């Protein structure tokens, strides 16, 4: 996986929001006389969006502090919104995983796949299925029902 150097590690918001906020700060303080304040404000915003909330604002210039304090409620909302979205995505991934596991381990599915291999005339007798190692483990009825109950529980919660 390639990492993009434009975005810091451990970002608590989406890249789109991060880019928009950084652009807004840069355009707001784009004059040459506010160069130092712009750098300080960008540092504050970047550190806050990476989860470092204990940085002292008193150590920066007044202009950078004002810009940061004006953006603070918007940053907090974005962090909360992003956390909620990540939690929902995690639930969706878990539900999708359980659904595919139940589907792949059902006896009907296994009978279909083995009969298709056995009934085909073009396959040699020593044929080992290419995806045999990629198949889900064989689950017994008790395990499948436990997975189905977990899946139903996850659906009710979301």
Protein backbone atom coordinates (compact mmCIF):
# COMPACT_ATOMS: atom_id res chain seq x y z
CA UNK A 1 0.00 0.00 0.00
CA UNK A 2 1.35 3.38 -0.98
CA UNK A 3 1.23 6.16 1.52
CA UNK A 4 0.73 9.70 0.42
CA UNK A 5 3.18 12.12 2.01
CA UNK A 6 0.65 14.97 1.75
CA UNK A 7 -1.39 13.53 4.60
CA UNK A 8 0.01 12.91 8.06
CA UNK A 9 -0.19 9.51 9.72
CA UNK A 10 -3.06 8.86 12.12
CA UNK A 11 -5.44 11.39 10.60
CA UNK A 12 -8.78 11.43 12.49
CA UNK A 13 -10.80 12.95 9.63
CA UNK A 14 -11.24 12.24 5.95
CA UNK A 15 -8.59 13.35 3.51
CA UNK A 16 -11.13 15.52 1.72
CA UNK A 17 -11.97 17.47 4.89
CA UNK A 18 -8.29 17.73 5.79
CA UNK A 19 -7.46 19.17 2.36
CA UNK A 20 -10.32 21.67 2.57
CA UNK A 21 -9.32 22.92 6.04
CA UNK A 22 -5.65 23.26 5.10
CA UNK A 23 -6.60 25.16 1.94
CA UNK A 24 -8.87 27.48 3.91
CA UNK A 25 -6.13 28.29 6.43
CA UNK A 26 -3.58 28.85 3.67
CA UNK A 27 -5.85 31.18 1.70
CA UNK A 28 -6.94 33.08 4.81
CA UNK A 29 -3.36 33.81 5.84
CA UNK A 30 -1.84 33.99 2.37
CA UNK A 31 -0.25 37.44 2.66
CA UNK A 32 3.50 37.64 3.21
CA UNK A 33 3.13 39.51 6.50
CA UNK A 34 1.20 36.55 8.00
CA UNK A 35 3.64 33.85 6.88
CA UNK A 36 4.67 32.89 10.41
CA UNK A 37 1.09 32.92 11.69
CA UNK A 38 0.03 30.71 8.77
CA UNK A 39 2.73 28.16 9.60
CA UNK A 40 1.73 28.15 13.27
CA UNK A 41 -1.99 27.81 12.45
CA UNK A 42 -1.28 24.95 10.04
CA UNK A 43 0.81 23.22 12.69
CA UNK A 44 -1.99 23.57 15.25
CA UNK A 45 -4.65 22.25 12.87
CA UNK A 46 -2.50 19.34 11.68
CA UNK A 47 -1.58 18.27 15.20
CA UNK A 48 -5.19 18.56 16.38
CA UNK A 49 -6.48 16.47 13.48
CA UNK A 50 -3.90 13.80 14.28
CA UNK A 51 -5.13 13.49 17.86
CA UNK A 52 -2.57 15.65 19.68
CA UNK A 53 -5.04 17.85 21.51
CA UNK A 54 -2.84 18.89 24.43
CA UNK A 55 -0.68 21.34 22.47
CA UNK A 56 -0.56 24.75 24.11
CA UNK A 57 -2.21 27.50 22.10
CA UNK A 58 -0.67 30.26 24.22
CA UNK A 59 2.75 29.64 22.67
CA UNK A 60 1.62 30.75 19.20
CA UNK A 61 0.86 34.16 17.76
CA UNK A 62 -2.47 35.82 18.38
CA UNK A 63 -3.59 35.51 14.73
CA UNK A 64 -2.86 31.77 14.61
CA UNK A 65 -4.70 31.27 17.90
CA UNK A 66 -7.76 33.13 16.63
CA UNK A 67 -7.84 31.12 13.38
CA UNK A 68 -7.49 27.86 15.27
CA UNK A 69 -10.15 28.77 17.85
CA UNK A 70 -12.57 29.73 15.08
CA UNK A 71 -12.04 26.38 13.35
CA UNK A 72 -12.13 24.30 16.55
CA UNK A 73 -15.91 23.55 16.63
CA UNK A 74 -15.81 22.51 12.98
CA UNK A 75 -12.79 20.28 13.61
CA UNK A 76 -14.52 18.60 16.55
CA UNK A 77 -17.64 17.92 14.48
CA UNK A 78 -15.57 16.43 11.69
CA UNK A 79 -13.66 14.17 14.09
CA UNK A 80 -16.93 12.93 15.61
CA UNK A 81 -18.50 12.41 12.18
CA UNK A 82 -15.46 10.49 10.96
CA UNK A 83 -15.41 8.25 14.04
CA UNK A 84 -19.08 7.41 13.51
CA UNK A 85 -18.48 6.62 9.85
CA UNK A 86 -15.53 4.36 10.66
CA UNK A 87 -17.57 2.50 13.26
CA UNK A 88 -20.44 1.97 10.79
CA UNK A 89 -18.01 0.76 8.12
CA UNK A 90 -16.50 -1.70 10.58
CA UNK A 91 -19.95 -3.09 11.35
CA UNK A 92 -20.73 -3.41 7.63
CA UNK A 93 -17.48 -5.26 7.00
CA UNK A 94 -18.17 -7.64 9.88
CA UNK A 95 -21.70 -8.35 8.65
CA UNK A 96 -20.48 -8.93 5.09
CA UNK A 97 -17.78 -11.27 6.36
CA UNK A 98 -20.29 -13.29 8.41
CA UNK A 99 -22.70 -13.49 5.47
CA UNK A 100 -20.03 -14.82 3.12
CA UNK A 101 -18.76 -17.27 5.74
CA UNK A 102 -22.25 -18.65 6.30
CA UNK A 103 -22.93 -18.82 2.58
CA UNK A 104 -19.67 -20.57 1.76
CA UNK A 105 -19.99 -23.10 4.55
CA UNK A 106 -23.57 -24.17 3.82
CA UNK A 107 -23.92 -27.84 2.84
CA UNK A 108 -25.89 -26.98 -0.31
CA UNK A 109 -23.09 -24.71 -1.54
CA UNK A 110 -20.48 -27.39 -0.85
CA UNK A 111 -22.53 -30.05 -2.66
CA UNK A 112 -22.91 -27.76 -5.66
CA UNK A 113 -19.21 -27.07 -5.90
CA UNK A 114 -18.15 -30.71 -5.45
CA UNK A 115 -20.77 -32.03 -7.89
CA UNK A 116 -19.70 -29.49 -10.49
CA UNK A 117 -16.12 -30.72 -10.21
CA UNK A 118 -17.15 -34.40 -10.24
CA UNK A 119 -19.59 -34.07 -13.16
CA UNK A 120 -17.32 -32.19 -15.52
CA UNK A 121 -15.78 -34.47 -18.14
CA UNK A 122 -12.92 -32.15 -19.01
CA UNK A 123 -11.22 -32.38 -15.65
CA UNK A 124 -8.57 -35.05 -15.09
CA UNK A 125 -9.05 -37.61 -12.31
CA UNK A 126 -6.27 -36.16 -10.15
CA UNK A 127 -7.71 -32.64 -10.34
CA UNK A 128 -7.27 -30.61 -7.18
CA UNK A 129 -9.51 -27.55 -7.14
CA UNK A 130 -7.54 -24.33 -7.61
CA UNK A 131 -9.56 -22.58 -4.96
CA UNK A 132 -9.62 -25.48 -2.48
CA UNK A 133 -7.27 -23.63 -0.13
CA UNK A 134 -9.30 -20.41 -0.53
CA UNK A 135 -12.56 -22.03 0.56
CA UNK A 136 -14.04 -21.32 3.96
CA UNK A 137 -13.61 -24.03 6.56
CA UNK A 138 -16.36 -26.64 6.79
CA UNK A 139 -18.65 -25.66 9.63
CA UNK A 140 -21.11 -27.95 11.31
CA UNK A 141 -24.73 -27.00 11.91
CA UNK A 142 -24.09 -25.68 15.42
CA UNK A 143 -21.31 -23.39 14.18
CA UNK A 144 -23.38 -22.14 11.25
CA UNK A 145 -26.31 -21.37 13.53
CA UNK A 146 -24.03 -19.54 15.97
CA UNK A 147 -22.70 -17.45 13.07
CA UNK A 148 -26.24 -16.78 11.88
CA UNK A 149 -27.25 -15.62 15.38
CA UNK A 150 -24.22 -13.31 15.49
CA UNK A 151 -25.12 -11.95 12.07
CA UNK A 152 -28.71 -11.30 13.16
CA UNK A 153 -27.44 -9.60 16.30
CA UNK A 154 -25.17 -7.33 14.25
CA UNK A 155 -28.01 -6.43 11.91
CA UNK A 156 -30.29 -5.50 14.81
CA UNK A 157 -27.61 -3.26 16.33
CA UNK A 158 -26.98 -1.33 13.14
